[in-house]
Amino acid sequence: MASIVRFELAGRCDELVLRRCAYWVSLTDLPDTENRESVTVSLPAHQRFDVVALCDLMDQSRRGAIQ
């Protein structure tokens, strides 16, 4: 069963603000969509975006495991 996680996201050209908690998901290999108004993306609750996750993602990128 998927968990629904709600968080506040605000963005401008010079900043991105996330409040309470952040999660990440790779959109690689997902199909393109024709919808240009909005798209719903499911975020796995176990993929928190924190310092440890950022370091892991950067390491994977450095090794070429993700692009």
PDB file of N, CA and C in Angstrom:
ATOM      1  N   MET A   1       0.843  -1.171   0.000  1.00  0.00           N
ATOM      2  CA  MET A   1       0.000   0.000   0.000  1.00  0.00           C
ATOM      3  C   MET A   1       0.889   1.235   0.000  1.00  0.00           C
ATOM      4  N   ALA A   2       0.632   2.157  -0.875  1.00  0.00           N
ATOM      5  CA  ALA A   2       1.434   3.376  -1.002  1.00  0.00           C
ATOM      6  C   ALA A   2       1.037   4.382   0.070  1.00  0.00           C
ATOM      7  N   SER A   3       2.015   5.073   0.591  1.00  0.00           N
ATOM      8  CA  SER A   3       1.758   6.147   1.546  1.00  0.00           C
ATOM      9  C   SER A   3       1.677   7.457   0.786  1.00  0.00           C
ATOM     10  N   ILE A   4       0.769   8.300   1.195  1.00  0.00           N
ATOM     11  CA  ILE A   4       0.691   9.628   0.597  1.00  0.00           C
ATOM     12  C   ILE A   4       1.431  10.585   1.509  1.00  0.00           C
ATOM     13  N   VAL A   5       2.418  11.250   0.959  1.00  0.00           N
ATOM     14  CA  VAL A   5       3.231  12.182   1.717  1.00  0.00           C
ATOM     15  C   VAL A   5       2.958  13.574   1.192  1.00  0.00           C
ATOM     16  N   ARG A   6       2.605  14.480   2.072  1.00  0.00           N
ATOM     17  CA  ARG A   6       2.338  15.853   1.668  1.00  0.00           C
ATOM     18  C   ARG A   6       3.422  16.745   2.249  1.00  0.00           C
ATOM     19  N   PHE A   7       3.953  17.590   1.420  1.00  0.00           N
ATOM     20  CA  PHE A   7       4.928  18.558   1.879  1.00  0.00           C
ATOM     21  C   PHE A   7       4.745  19.837   1.106  1.00  0.00           C
ATOM     22  N   GLU A   8       5.307  20.893   1.618  1.00  0.00           N
ATOM     23  CA  GLU A   8       5.187  22.194   0.976  1.00  0.00           C
ATOM     24  C   GLU A   8       6.390  22.429   0.085  1.00  0.00           C
ATOM     25  N   LEU A   9       6.130  22.868  -1.126  1.00  0.00           N
ATOM     26  CA  LEU A   9       7.184  23.143  -2.086  1.00  0.00           C
ATOM     27  C   LEU A   9       6.945  24.529  -2.665  1.00  0.00           C
ATOM     28  N   ALA A  10       7.936  25.371  -2.582  1.00  0.00           N
ATOM     29  CA  ALA A  10       7.831  26.708  -3.160  1.00  0.00           C
ATOM     30  C   ALA A  10       9.089  26.955  -3.975  1.00  0.00           C
ATOM     31  N   GLY A  11       8.942  27.547  -5.125  1.00  0.00           N
ATOM     32  CA  GLY A  11      10.113  27.768  -5.946  1.00  0.00           C
ATOM     33  C   GLY A  11      10.066  29.078  -6.705  1.00  0.00           C
ATOM     34  N   ARG A  12      11.229  29.635  -6.907  1.00  0.00           N
ATOM     35  CA  ARG A  12      11.431  30.804  -7.754  1.00  0.00           C
ATOM     36  C   ARG A  12      12.714  30.543  -8.523  1.00  0.00           C
ATOM     37  N   CYS A  13      13.058  31.451  -9.377  1.00  0.00           N
ATOM     38  CA  CYS A  13      14.286  31.270 -10.165  1.00  0.00           C
ATOM     39  C   CYS A  13      15.531  31.203  -9.283  1.00  0.00           C
ATOM     40  N   ASP A  14      15.496  31.862  -8.139  1.00  0.00           N
ATOM     41  CA  ASP A  14      16.698  31.935  -7.313  1.00  0.00           C
ATOM     42  C   ASP A  14      16.637  31.071  -6.057  1.00  0.00           C
ATOM     43  N   GLU A  15      15.555  30.307  -5.844  1.00  0.00           N
ATOM     44  CA  GLU A  15      15.510  29.455  -4.663  1.00  0.00           C
ATOM     45  C   GLU A  15      14.466  28.354  -4.806  1.00  0.00           C
ATOM     46  N   LEU A  16      14.656  27.293  -4.038  1.00  0.00           N
ATOM     47  CA  LEU A  16      13.711  26.200  -3.916  1.00  0.00           C
ATOM     48  C   LEU A  16      13.595  25.900  -2.434  1.00  0.00           C
ATOM     49  N   VAL A  17      12.406  25.936  -1.900  1.00  0.00           N
ATOM     50  CA  VAL A  17      12.185  25.734  -0.478  1.00  0.00           C
ATOM     51  C   VAL A  17      11.335  24.488  -0.267  1.00  0.00           C
ATOM     52  N   LEU A  18      11.828  23.562   0.536  1.00  0.00           N
ATOM     53  CA  LEU A  18      11.081  22.372   0.925  1.00  0.00           C
ATOM     54  C   LEU A  18      10.893  22.424   2.430  1.00  0.00           C
ATOM     55  N   ARG A  19       9.684  22.250   2.891  1.00  0.00           N
ATOM     56  CA  ARG A  19       9.418  22.273   4.323  1.00  0.00           C
ATOM     57  C   ARG A  19       8.922  20.911   4.789  1.00  0.00           C
ATOM     58  N   ARG A  20       9.305  20.544   5.983  1.00  0.00           N
ATOM     59  CA  ARG A  20       8.938  19.313   6.677  1.00  0.00           C
ATOM     60  C   ARG A  20       9.772  18.124   6.239  1.00  0.00           C
ATOM     61  N   CYS A  21       9.738  17.745   4.984  1.00  0.00           N
ATOM     62  CA  CYS A  21      10.463  16.554   4.571  1.00  0.00           C
ATOM     63  C   CYS A  21      10.543  16.525   3.055  1.00  0.00           C
ATOM     64  N   ALA A  22      11.533  15.859   2.531  1.00  0.00           N
ATOM     65  CA  ALA A  22      11.663  15.751   1.083  1.00  0.00           C
ATOM     66  C   ALA A  22      11.982  14.300   0.713  1.00  0.00           C
ATOM     67  N   TYR A  23      11.474  13.901  -0.433  1.00  0.00           N
ATOM     68  CA  TYR A  23      11.700  12.568  -0.969  1.00  0.00           C
ATOM     69  C   TYR A  23      12.121  12.705  -2.416  1.00  0.00           C
ATOM     70  N   TRP A  24      12.756  11.686  -2.957  1.00  0.00           N
ATOM     71  CA  TRP A  24      13.198  11.763  -4.344  1.00  0.00           C
ATOM     72  C   TRP A  24      12.761  10.507  -5.084  1.00  0.00           C
ATOM     73  N   VAL A  25      12.679  10.654  -6.392  1.00  0.00           N
ATOM     74  CA  VAL A  25      12.392   9.527  -7.271  1.00  0.00           C
ATOM     75  C   VAL A  25      13.026   9.833  -8.626  1.00  0.00           C
ATOM     76  N   SER A  26      13.566   8.831  -9.254  1.00  0.00           N
ATOM     77  CA  SER A  26      14.133   8.994 -10.589  1.00  0.00           C
ATOM     78  C   SER A  26      13.026   8.877 -11.624  1.00  0.00           C
ATOM     79  N   LEU A  27      12.990   9.802 -12.559  1.00  0.00           N
ATOM     80  CA  LEU A  27      12.011   9.766 -13.638  1.00  0.00           C
ATOM     81  C   LEU A  27      12.565   9.069 -14.878  1.00  0.00           C
ATOM     82  N   THR A  28      13.809   8.614 -14.795  1.00  0.00           N
ATOM     83  CA  THR A  28      14.422   7.873 -15.897  1.00  0.00           C
ATOM     84  C   THR A  28      13.607   6.619 -16.175  1.00  0.00           C
ATOM     85  N   ASP A  29      13.410   6.322 -17.427  1.00  0.00           N
ATOM     86  CA  ASP A  29      12.685   5.135 -17.891  1.00  0.00           C
ATOM     87  C   ASP A  29      11.169   5.226 -17.704  1.00  0.00           C
ATOM     88  N   LEU A  30      10.655   6.333 -17.187  1.00  0.00           N
ATOM     89  CA  LEU A  30       9.205   6.498 -17.133  1.00  0.00           C
ATOM     90  C   LEU A  30       8.728   7.002 -18.493  1.00  0.00           C
ATOM     91  N   PRO A  31       7.527   6.620 -18.894  1.00  0.00           N
ATOM     92  CA  PRO A  31       7.038   7.040 -20.207  1.00  0.00           C
ATOM     93  C   PRO A  31       6.763   8.543 -20.257  1.00  0.00           C
ATOM     94  N   ASP A  32       6.912   9.122 -21.439  1.00  0.00           N
ATOM     95  CA  ASP A  32       6.555  10.528 -21.640  1.00  0.00           C
ATOM     96  C   ASP A  32       5.054  10.686 -21.455  1.00  0.00           C
ATOM     97  N   THR A  33       4.644  11.906 -21.168  1.00  0.00           N
ATOM     98  CA  THR A  33       3.227  12.197 -21.024  1.00  0.00           C
ATOM     99  C   THR A  33       2.834  13.335 -21.944  1.00  0.00           C
ATOM    100  N   GLU A  34       1.610  13.300 -22.402  1.00  0.00           N
ATOM    101  CA  GLU A  34       1.084  14.384 -23.228  1.00  0.00           C
ATOM    102  C   GLU A  34       0.489  15.492 -22.356  1.00  0.00           C
ATOM    103  N   ASN A  35       0.260  15.191 -21.085  1.00  0.00           N
ATOM    104  CA  ASN A  35      -0.360  16.145 -20.184  1.00  0.00           C
ATOM    105  C   ASN A  35       0.622  17.267 -19.864  1.00  0.00           C
ATOM    106  N   ARG A  36       0.246  18.497 -20.145  1.00  0.00           N
ATOM    107  CA  ARG A  36       1.128  19.640 -19.902  1.00  0.00           C
ATOM    108  C   ARG A  36       0.659  20.495 -18.724  1.00  0.00           C
ATOM    109  N   GLU A  37      -0.502  20.147 -18.144  1.00  0.00           N
ATOM    110  CA  GLU A  37      -1.044  20.920 -17.029  1.00  0.00           C
ATOM    111  C   GLU A  37      -0.501  20.435 -15.688  1.00  0.00           C
ATOM    112  N   SER A  38      -0.569  19.133 -15.470  1.00  0.00           N
ATOM    113  CA  SER A  38      -0.061  18.573 -14.215  1.00  0.00           C
ATOM    114  C   SER A  38       0.223  17.092 -14.418  1.00  0.00           C
ATOM    115  N   VAL A  39       1.127  16.580 -13.615  1.00  0.00           N
ATOM    116  CA  VAL A  39       1.487  15.171 -13.658  1.00  0.00           C
ATOM    117  C   VAL A  39       1.636  14.695 -12.220  1.00  0.00           C
ATOM    118  N   THR A  40       1.022  13.575 -11.894  1.00  0.00           N
ATOM    119  CA  THR A  40       1.157  12.989 -10.564  1.00  0.00           C
ATOM    120  C   THR A  40       2.308  12.002 -10.576  1.00  0.00           C
ATOM    121  N   VAL A  41       3.196  12.144  -9.624  1.00  0.00           N
ATOM    122  CA  VAL A  41       4.351  11.255  -9.497  1.00  0.00           C
ATOM    123  C   VAL A  41       4.310  10.645  -8.106  1.00  0.00           C
ATOM    124  N   SER A  42       4.393   9.334  -8.015  1.00  0.00           N
ATOM    125  CA  SER A  42       4.432   8.657  -6.718  1.00  0.00           C
ATOM    126  C   SER A  42       5.857   8.682  -6.181  1.00  0.00           C
ATOM    127  N   LEU A  43       5.992   9.086  -4.934  1.00  0.00           N
ATOM    128  CA  LEU A  43       7.300   9.161  -4.285  1.00  0.00           C
ATOM    129  C   LEU A  43       7.407   8.063  -3.237  1.00  0.00           C
ATOM    130  N   PRO A  44       8.381   7.163  -3.384  1.00  0.00           N
ATOM    131  CA  PRO A  44       8.547   6.107  -2.383  1.00  0.00           C
ATOM    132  C   PRO A  44       8.920   6.712  -1.023  1.00  0.00           C
ATOM    133  N   ALA A  45       8.154   6.375   0.006  1.00  0.00           N
ATOM    134  CA  ALA A  45       8.392   6.937   1.340  1.00  0.00           C
ATOM    135  C   ALA A  45       9.762   6.548   1.901  1.00  0.00           C
ATOM    136  N   HIS A  46      10.350   5.463   1.417  1.00  0.00           N
ATOM    137  CA  HIS A  46      11.659   5.048   1.935  1.00  0.00           C
ATOM    138  C   HIS A  46      12.816   5.832   1.293  1.00  0.00           C
ATOM    139  N   GLN A  47      12.539   6.643   0.292  1.00  0.00           N
ATOM    140  CA  GLN A  47      13.595   7.400  -0.384  1.00  0.00           C
ATOM    141  C   GLN A  47      13.611   8.853   0.090  1.00  0.00           C
ATOM    142  N   ARG A  48      13.986   9.040   1.343  1.00  0.00           N
ATOM    143  CA  ARG A  48      14.081  10.389   1.885  1.00  0.00           C
ATOM    144  C   ARG A  48      15.264  11.106   1.255  1.00  0.00           C
ATOM    145  N   PHE A  49      15.100  12.385   1.017  1.00  0.00           N
ATOM    146  CA  PHE A  49      16.187  13.206   0.486  1.00  0.00           C
ATOM    147  C   PHE A  49      16.818  13.940   1.658  1.00  0.00           C
ATOM    148  N   ASP A  50      17.941  13.397   2.118  1.00  0.00           N
ATOM    149  CA  ASP A  50      18.669  13.989   3.227  1.00  0.00           C
ATOM    150  C   ASP A  50      20.148  13.997   2.861  1.00  0.00           C
ATOM    151  N   VAL A  51      20.994  14.340   3.804  1.00  0.00           N
ATOM    152  CA  VAL A  51      22.429  14.446   3.523  1.00  0.00           C
ATOM    153  C   VAL A  51      22.990  13.111   3.052  1.00  0.00           C
ATOM    154  N   VAL A  52      22.614  12.027   3.708  1.00  0.00           N
ATOM    155  CA  VAL A  52      23.116  10.700   3.329  1.00  0.00           C
ATOM    156  C   VAL A  52      22.672  10.352   1.909  1.00  0.00           C
ATOM    157  N   ALA A  53      21.398  10.604   1.595  1.00  0.00           N
ATOM    158  CA  ALA A  53      20.885  10.303   0.252  1.00  0.00           C
ATOM    159  C   ALA A  53      21.575  11.158  -0.804  1.00  0.00           C
ATOM    160  N   LEU A  54      21.796  12.431  -0.500  1.00  0.00           N
ATOM    161  CA  LEU A  54      22.486  13.304  -1.449  1.00  0.00           C
ATOM    162  C   LEU A  54      23.890  12.799  -1.732  1.00  0.00           C
ATOM    163  N   CYS A  55      24.626  12.429  -0.694  1.00  0.00           N
ATOM    164  CA  CYS A  55      25.985  11.899  -0.893  1.00  0.00           C
ATOM    165  C   CYS A  55      25.953  10.623  -1.725  1.00  0.00           C
ATOM    166  N   ASP A  56      24.970   9.749  -1.466  1.00  0.00           N
ATOM    167  CA  ASP A  56      24.843   8.508  -2.234  1.00  0.00           C
ATOM    168  C   ASP A  56      24.519   8.803  -3.696  1.00  0.00           C
ATOM    169  N   LEU A  57      23.585   9.720  -3.945  1.00  0.00           N
ATOM    170  CA  LEU A  57      23.241  10.081  -5.322  1.00  0.00           C
ATOM    171  C   LEU A  57      24.439  10.694  -6.054  1.00  0.00           C
ATOM    172  N   MET A  58      25.198  11.527  -5.376  1.00  0.00           N
ATOM    173  CA  MET A  58      26.378  12.137  -5.994  1.00  0.00           C
ATOM    174  C   MET A  58      27.426  11.071  -6.304  1.00  0.00           C
ATOM    175  N   ASP A  59      27.596  10.105  -5.407  1.00  0.00           N
ATOM    176  CA  ASP A  59      28.547   9.021  -5.639  1.00  0.00           C
ATOM    177  C   ASP A  59      28.109   8.167  -6.834  1.00  0.00           C
ATOM    178  N   GLN A  60      26.816   7.848  -6.901  1.00  0.00           N
ATOM    179  CA  GLN A  60      26.314   7.083  -8.046  1.00  0.00           C
ATOM    180  C   GLN A  60      26.517   7.846  -9.352  1.00  0.00           C
ATOM    181  N   SER A  61      26.297   9.141  -9.321  1.00  0.00           N
ATOM    182  CA  SER A  61      26.493   9.965 -10.519  1.00  0.00           C
ATOM    183  C   SER A  61      27.958   9.979 -10.938  1.00  0.00           C
ATOM    184  N   ARG A  62      28.832  10.108  -9.964  1.00  0.00           N
ATOM    185  CA  ARG A  62      30.283  10.133 -10.242  1.00  0.00           C
ATOM    186  C   ARG A  62      30.736   8.839 -10.895  1.00  0.00           C
ATOM    187  N   ARG A  63      30.142   7.708 -10.458  1.00  0.00           N
ATOM    188  CA  ARG A  63      30.495   6.401 -11.013  1.00  0.00           C
ATOM    189  C   ARG A  63      29.777   6.098 -12.326  1.00  0.00           C
ATOM    190  N   GLY A  64      28.849   6.980 -12.738  1.00  0.00           N
ATOM    191  CA  GLY A  64      28.122   6.766 -13.979  1.00  0.00           C
ATOM    192  C   GLY A  64      26.916   5.856 -13.830  1.00  0.00           C
ATOM    193  N   ALA A  65      26.549   5.523 -12.601  1.00  0.00           N
ATOM    194  CA  ALA A  65      25.410   4.631 -12.374  1.00  0.00           C
ATOM    195  C   ALA A  65      24.093   5.347 -12.645  1.00  0.00           C
ATOM    196  N   ILE A  66      24.075   6.659 -12.483  1.00  0.00           N
ATOM    197  CA  ILE A  66      22.903   7.465 -12.828  1.00  0.00           C
ATOM    198  C   ILE A  66      23.373   8.673 -13.619  1.00  0.00           C
ATOM    199  N   GLN A  67      22.468   9.242 -14.379  1.00  0.00           N
ATOM    200  CA  GLN A  67      22.827  10.408 -15.190  1.00  0.00           C
ATOM    201  C   GLN A  67      21.874  11.524 -14.930  1.00  0.00           C
TER     202      GLN A  67
END
